[in-house]
């Protein structure tokens, strides 16, 4: 894992543009008891990209009841990832706090679902 003290390699503008990061709204959050690390199953509305599933290790900062309606930043072009019996279709992004627990990356204000990070 890279921290802010470690420099990341420089990438080209083209590589950045190839990373498809879009905003979506969480429409459903459920328990994921089969996950090795505590996590939730999320259903995210990405507008024109449709509803996508994701597994997120965000149980320390969020309850199931408060997640629906939150907008989050998702990487949409990493491909599917099998997590146990669950297929995650997008990566919901966040930042590790001082304890390593994840805080969701969110836009500062409401934007249309499916909007691309530019």
Protein backbone atom coordinates (compact mmCIF):
# COMPACT_ATOMS: atom_id res chain seq x y z
CA UNK A 1 0.00 0.00 0.00
CA UNK A 2 1.29 3.45 -0.86
CA UNK A 3 1.01 6.20 1.70
CA UNK A 4 1.20 9.92 1.12
CA UNK A 5 4.91 9.78 2.01
CA UNK A 6 5.63 7.38 -0.88
CA UNK A 7 5.81 8.78 -4.39
CA UNK A 8 3.79 6.91 -6.98
CA UNK A 9 5.20 6.45 -10.46
CA UNK A 10 4.16 9.09 -12.97
CA UNK A 11 1.52 7.93 -15.42
CA UNK A 12 0.48 9.45 -18.72
CA UNK A 13 -2.68 11.50 -19.16
CA UNK A 14 -3.93 8.69 -21.40
CA UNK A 15 -3.60 6.17 -18.55
CA UNK A 16 -5.60 8.44 -16.27
CA UNK A 17 -8.31 8.83 -18.91
CA UNK A 18 -8.47 5.03 -19.27
CA UNK A 19 -9.46 4.70 -15.61
CA UNK A 20 -13.24 5.04 -15.61
CA UNK A 21 -14.19 6.60 -12.26
CA UNK A 22 -17.86 7.50 -12.02
CA UNK A 23 -20.30 8.62 -9.37
CA UNK A 24 -23.18 6.43 -8.33
CA UNK A 25 -25.81 6.38 -5.63
CA UNK A 26 -26.04 3.46 -3.23
CA UNK A 27 -29.59 2.12 -3.51
CA UNK A 28 -29.20 -0.97 -1.32
CA UNK A 29 -26.79 -2.17 1.36
CA UNK A 30 -26.93 -5.63 2.93
CA UNK A 31 -24.86 -7.76 5.25
CA UNK A 32 -22.07 -9.88 3.77
CA UNK A 33 -21.46 -12.50 6.50
CA UNK A 34 -19.48 -14.78 4.15
CA UNK A 35 -16.75 -12.16 3.58
CA UNK A 36 -13.38 -12.90 5.19
CA UNK A 37 -13.13 -9.29 6.42
CA UNK A 38 -16.23 -7.42 7.59
CA UNK A 39 -17.98 -5.97 4.52
CA UNK A 40 -21.30 -4.99 3.05
CA UNK A 41 -22.86 -5.89 -0.29
CA UNK A 42 -23.83 -2.71 -2.13
CA UNK A 43 -26.06 -2.07 -5.12
CA UNK A 44 -25.02 1.18 -6.81
CA UNK A 45 -27.01 3.14 -9.41
CA UNK A 46 -24.53 4.38 -12.01
CA UNK A 47 -27.12 6.06 -14.24
CA UNK A 48 -26.58 5.06 -17.88
CA UNK A 49 -24.26 2.21 -16.79
CA UNK A 50 -27.10 0.65 -14.79
CA UNK A 51 -27.15 -0.96 -11.37
CA UNK A 52 -23.84 -2.53 -10.32
CA UNK A 53 -22.87 -4.68 -7.36
CA UNK A 54 -19.89 -4.10 -5.10
CA UNK A 55 -18.45 -5.44 -1.88
CA UNK A 56 -17.11 -2.75 0.44
CA UNK A 57 -15.18 -3.06 3.69
CA UNK A 58 -16.85 -0.01 5.23
CA UNK A 59 -18.49 -1.51 8.32
CA UNK A 60 -16.53 0.58 10.86
CA UNK A 61 -17.82 3.99 9.71
CA UNK A 62 -21.23 3.18 8.20
CA UNK A 63 -24.39 1.34 9.15
CA UNK A 64 -26.61 -0.42 6.63
CA UNK A 65 -29.39 2.10 7.24
CA UNK A 66 -27.32 5.20 6.44
CA UNK A 67 -25.78 4.00 3.15
CA UNK A 68 -28.76 4.13 0.76
CA UNK A 69 -28.83 7.55 -0.89
CA UNK A 70 -25.09 8.24 -0.48
CA UNK A 71 -23.21 9.09 -3.65
CA UNK A 72 -19.84 7.36 -4.03
CA UNK A 73 -16.97 7.26 -6.53
CA UNK A 74 -16.62 3.91 -8.31
CA UNK A 75 -14.00 2.50 -10.65
CA UNK A 76 -16.14 0.86 -13.31
CA UNK A 77 -13.62 -0.71 -15.69
CA UNK A 78 -11.57 -3.07 -13.53
CA UNK A 79 -13.67 -6.06 -14.51
CA UNK A 80 -15.61 -8.31 -12.19
CA UNK A 81 -14.06 -9.74 -9.03
CA UNK A 82 -15.32 -12.89 -7.36
CA UNK A 83 -15.50 -12.45 -3.58
CA UNK A 84 -16.63 -15.74 -2.14
CA UNK A 85 -19.95 -16.52 -3.82
CA UNK A 86 -20.53 -12.83 -4.62
CA UNK A 87 -19.53 -11.12 -7.88
CA UNK A 88 -18.38 -7.53 -7.41
CA UNK A 89 -18.78 -5.47 -10.59
CA UNK A 90 -17.31 -2.10 -9.55
CA UNK A 91 -14.81 -0.87 -6.98
CA UNK A 92 -16.30 1.61 -4.53
CA UNK A 93 -13.42 3.89 -3.52
CA UNK A 94 -12.40 5.35 -0.20
CA UNK A 95 -9.54 6.37 2.04
CA UNK A 96 -8.06 4.58 5.03
CA UNK A 97 -8.32 6.52 8.28
CA UNK A 98 -5.66 6.45 11.01
CA UNK A 99 -6.83 2.94 11.99
CA UNK A 100 -6.96 1.59 8.45
CA UNK A 101 -10.77 1.69 8.34
CA UNK A 102 -12.29 2.93 5.07
CA UNK A 103 -14.03 6.28 4.66
CA UNK A 104 -15.96 6.54 1.38
CA UNK A 105 -14.80 8.87 -1.41
CA UNK A 106 -17.76 11.10 -2.26
CA UNK A 107 -18.44 14.18 -4.39
CA UNK A 108 -18.71 17.45 -2.43
CA UNK A 109 -22.21 17.98 -3.83
CA UNK A 110 -24.86 16.08 -5.75
CA UNK A 111 -24.06 15.20 -9.36
CA UNK A 112 -25.89 13.02 -11.90
CA UNK A 113 -25.34 9.28 -11.49
CA UNK A 114 -22.85 8.04 -14.04
CA UNK A 115 -20.88 11.32 -14.15
CA UNK A 116 -17.22 10.63 -14.97
CA UNK A 117 -14.42 11.99 -12.80
CA UNK A 118 -12.42 14.42 -14.91
